[in-house]
């Protein structure tokens, strides 16, 4: 599978490269664009400030340019938190998208979004401070209405970025369950 994996607001840190290596070890081709052009952050607040300063339109433009050389073969769009929102926006706009893998984050969905049975898998903490239950319920319904085939996996008691071993949110058990489920998902599409 040809996968593009977007980083969170912490930037392109070692945990993102480790995730890409895990996917490569399972036989996938993985691209990891650096939307922050080398900047990494110690706190989510610093990363969000940089994201806001740079602007969502500029970051989306960088993402589109990064995937353009690979999208003609059909991509699985994937991302962590903020990167998941980027992945979702691109996948819903790419008629050749093969799948969407969201780790710790979603994005709003345009009213006219339409896909043809796009496989979507979301892994999210329960509760998650950035993805409330009401938001997730509405997101799920809108994604289904757009035509996606959606799976949602929740992890009770885990922190927001629970797959990143360098962060306080890390939950080893939830992370291992996530990766096992992710690899099965990728094999199924």
Foldseek 3Di string as FASTA:
>chain_A
DEEEEEEALQWDDPLSVVLCVLVVVLPYHYHYDTLLVPHGHDDSVVSVVSDVVCDPVSSLVSVCVRCVVPPVQAYAYEYEAVSLQSSQVVQQVRQRHQAYEYELYHHDDDQQGAHAQHEYEYEFEVVEPVQHPVNVVVRVVSCVVNHYDYDYHYDYPAYRRQLRPVDPRHDPVSNVVVVVVVSVSVVVD
